Protein backbone atom coordinates (compact mmCIF):
# COMPACT_ATOMS: atom_id res chain seq x y z
CA MET A 1 46.36 -12.58 -162.29
CA THR A 2 43.38 -9.99 -161.70
CA ALA A 3 43.19 -8.27 -158.24
CA PHE A 4 39.74 -8.67 -156.84
CA THR A 5 38.60 -5.81 -154.53
CA ASP A 6 36.28 -6.76 -151.62
CA ARG A 7 34.65 -3.14 -151.69
CA LEU A 8 32.87 -0.64 -153.83
CA GLU A 9 35.16 1.57 -156.06
CA GLY A 10 33.23 5.01 -156.97
CA PRO A 11 29.44 5.34 -156.70
CA SER A 12 26.83 2.67 -155.69
CA PRO A 13 24.79 1.12 -159.10
CA ALA A 14 22.01 0.43 -156.41
CA ALA A 15 22.12 3.89 -155.05
CA GLU A 16 21.56 5.36 -158.23
CA ILE A 17 18.87 3.10 -159.44
CA ALA A 18 17.03 4.10 -156.05
CA ARG A 19 17.84 8.24 -156.32
CA ASP A 20 16.59 7.62 -159.85
CA MET A 21 13.35 6.06 -158.73
CA VAL A 22 12.75 8.54 -156.43
CA LYS A 23 13.51 11.37 -158.76
CA ARG A 24 10.53 9.42 -161.29
CA GLY A 25 8.45 9.40 -158.58
CA VAL A 26 8.14 13.14 -157.14
CA PRO A 27 6.62 14.48 -160.38
CA MET A 28 3.52 11.37 -159.86
CA ILE A 29 2.97 12.84 -156.54
CA PRO A 30 0.16 15.36 -158.18
CA VAL A 31 -1.01 12.48 -159.78
CA GLY A 32 -1.55 10.83 -157.20
CA LEU A 33 -3.27 13.81 -154.51
CA VAL A 34 -5.89 13.68 -157.34
CA ILE A 35 -6.57 9.94 -157.63
CA GLY A 36 -7.10 10.77 -153.65
CA ALA A 37 -9.36 13.27 -153.46
CA ILE A 38 -11.58 12.10 -156.04
CA TRP A 39 -11.68 9.15 -154.38
CA ALA A 40 -11.90 10.04 -150.71
CA GLY A 41 -11.66 13.51 -150.53
CA SER A 42 -9.56 16.27 -148.73
CA ASN A 43 -8.40 13.28 -146.33
CA GLY A 44 -8.05 10.66 -149.79
CA ALA A 45 -5.42 13.46 -150.68
CA LEU A 46 -3.93 13.91 -147.83
CA SER A 47 -3.75 10.22 -146.83
CA VAL A 48 -2.53 9.37 -150.81
CA GLY A 49 0.61 12.01 -150.33
CA TYR A 50 1.52 10.88 -147.08
CA ALA A 51 1.80 7.40 -148.47
CA MET A 52 3.61 8.38 -151.27
CA VAL A 53 6.18 11.11 -149.52
CA LEU A 54 6.81 7.75 -147.07
CA ILE A 55 7.81 5.29 -149.74
CA LEU A 56 9.67 7.73 -151.59
CA PHE A 57 11.76 8.68 -148.06
CA ASN A 58 12.05 4.38 -148.21
CA PHE A 59 13.85 4.48 -151.78
CA LEU A 60 15.99 7.18 -150.27
CA LEU A 61 17.13 5.55 -147.50
CA SER A 62 17.69 2.22 -149.31
CA ALA A 63 19.92 4.34 -151.88
CA TYR A 64 21.94 6.25 -149.07
CA LEU A 65 22.08 2.36 -146.75
CA LEU A 66 23.38 0.78 -149.86
CA GLY A 67 25.87 3.56 -150.93
CA TRP A 68 27.30 3.26 -147.81
CA ALA A 69 27.47 -0.06 -147.56
CA ALA A 70 29.07 -0.51 -150.99
CA GLN A 71 32.43 1.76 -149.59
CA ILE A 72 32.74 -1.24 -146.96
CA SER A 73 32.24 -3.79 -148.30
CA PHE A 74 30.28 -6.45 -150.79
CA ALA A 75 29.48 -8.14 -147.99
CA MET A 76 28.26 -5.51 -146.20
CA VAL A 77 25.96 -4.28 -149.31
CA ALA A 78 24.34 -7.63 -148.92
CA ALA A 79 23.84 -7.50 -144.79
CA ALA A 80 22.31 -3.78 -145.87
CA SER A 81 20.30 -4.90 -148.54
CA LEU A 82 18.57 -7.80 -146.19
CA GLY A 83 18.90 -6.25 -142.94
CA GLY A 84 17.67 -2.61 -144.48
CA TYR A 85 14.51 -3.95 -146.22
CA LEU A 86 13.29 -5.33 -142.63
CA LEU A 87 14.38 -1.95 -141.38
CA ARG A 88 12.55 0.18 -144.13
CA LEU A 89 9.56 -2.00 -143.61
CA ALA A 90 9.18 -1.88 -139.84
CA ILE A 91 9.80 2.70 -140.56
CA VAL A 92 6.62 1.73 -143.35
CA PHE A 93 4.92 -0.16 -140.84
CA ALA A 94 5.31 2.01 -137.87
CA ALA A 95 4.62 5.13 -140.35
CA VAL A 96 0.94 3.88 -140.94
CA TYR A 97 0.30 2.69 -137.65
CA LEU A 98 0.94 5.63 -135.52
CA VAL A 99 -1.28 7.59 -137.61
CA LYS A 100 -3.87 5.40 -138.49
CA ASP A 101 -6.25 6.74 -135.95
CA MET A 102 -6.19 10.34 -136.79
CA SER A 103 -8.99 12.09 -138.43
CA TRP A 104 -7.25 13.07 -141.65
CA VAL A 105 -6.69 9.74 -142.62
CA ALA A 106 -8.30 7.46 -145.10
CA LEU A 107 -6.72 4.11 -144.62
CA VAL A 108 -7.53 2.17 -147.69
CA PRO A 109 -6.52 4.54 -149.83
CA MET A 110 -3.12 4.88 -147.99
CA CYS A 111 -2.35 1.55 -148.16
CA ILE A 112 -3.24 1.50 -151.82
CA ALA A 113 -1.30 4.05 -152.70
CA ILE A 114 1.61 2.70 -150.43
CA ILE A 115 1.20 -0.79 -152.81
CA VAL A 116 0.98 0.60 -156.19
CA THR A 117 4.10 3.24 -155.59
CA HIS A 118 5.90 0.33 -154.39
CA LEU A 119 5.26 -1.62 -157.14
CA GLY A 120 5.06 1.25 -159.61
CA LEU A 121 8.58 2.48 -159.35
CA LEU A 122 9.89 -0.44 -158.87
CA ILE A 123 8.39 -1.92 -162.60
CA TRP A 124 8.81 1.68 -164.09
CA GLU A 125 12.54 1.18 -163.30
CA LEU A 126 13.13 -1.84 -165.10
CA ARG A 127 12.88 -0.18 -168.42
CA TYR A 128 15.92 1.39 -167.23
CA VAL A 129 18.06 -0.45 -165.13
CA SER A 130 21.09 -2.16 -167.11
CA ALA A 131 21.96 -6.07 -165.97
CA SER A 132 25.62 -6.25 -167.75
CA MET A 133 28.67 -6.10 -165.72
CA ALA A 134 30.02 -3.11 -168.65
CA TYR A 135 26.86 -0.57 -167.57
CA PRO A 136 26.07 -1.79 -163.67
CA GLY A 137 22.95 0.55 -162.75
CA LEU A 138 21.56 2.48 -165.12
CA LYS A 139 21.76 1.91 -169.03
CA PRO A 140 23.52 4.41 -171.07
CA SER A 141 21.85 6.42 -173.49
CA THR A 142 23.21 6.45 -177.39
CA ASP A 143 25.45 10.16 -176.34
CA GLY A 144 27.06 7.94 -173.52
CA ARG A 145 25.18 9.63 -170.86
CA SER A 146 23.07 7.60 -168.39
CA VAL A 147 19.55 7.46 -169.61
CA ALA A 148 18.16 8.98 -165.74
CA ASN A 149 20.52 12.09 -167.20
CA SER A 150 18.83 12.13 -170.76
CA VAL A 151 16.14 13.68 -171.95
CA ARG A 152 13.53 11.74 -172.84
């Protein structure tokens, strides 16, 4: 007879994936700044930088919420996933709404950067995620370390 647990023992695979997305996104900030500057000058660069940092914060918040919830119960992970998504969506909306009328904001580049950063990191991360029960979270590399920790 197998014993089932109602909470996660050890690190949360979902939190590991979210932190890995942030690690992959930070080096892309200078690229975004250059694209924003080419598109809309210094205001475009500031707006794209703000958007990218906002989305990276969003993923870090997701990692924190899922890691915290996993230590409590799997039902809490589901609640944190759904409720946390709505909370994080509200934070992104409020962060854009609060700055939309400021002089340094170029709204179109900012909104496009929000969408591209979100989708780009999610699609990029698909290459490194394992969907097996043996390795939930990030796929291990051939030397036994997770792909996130190995040199590519």
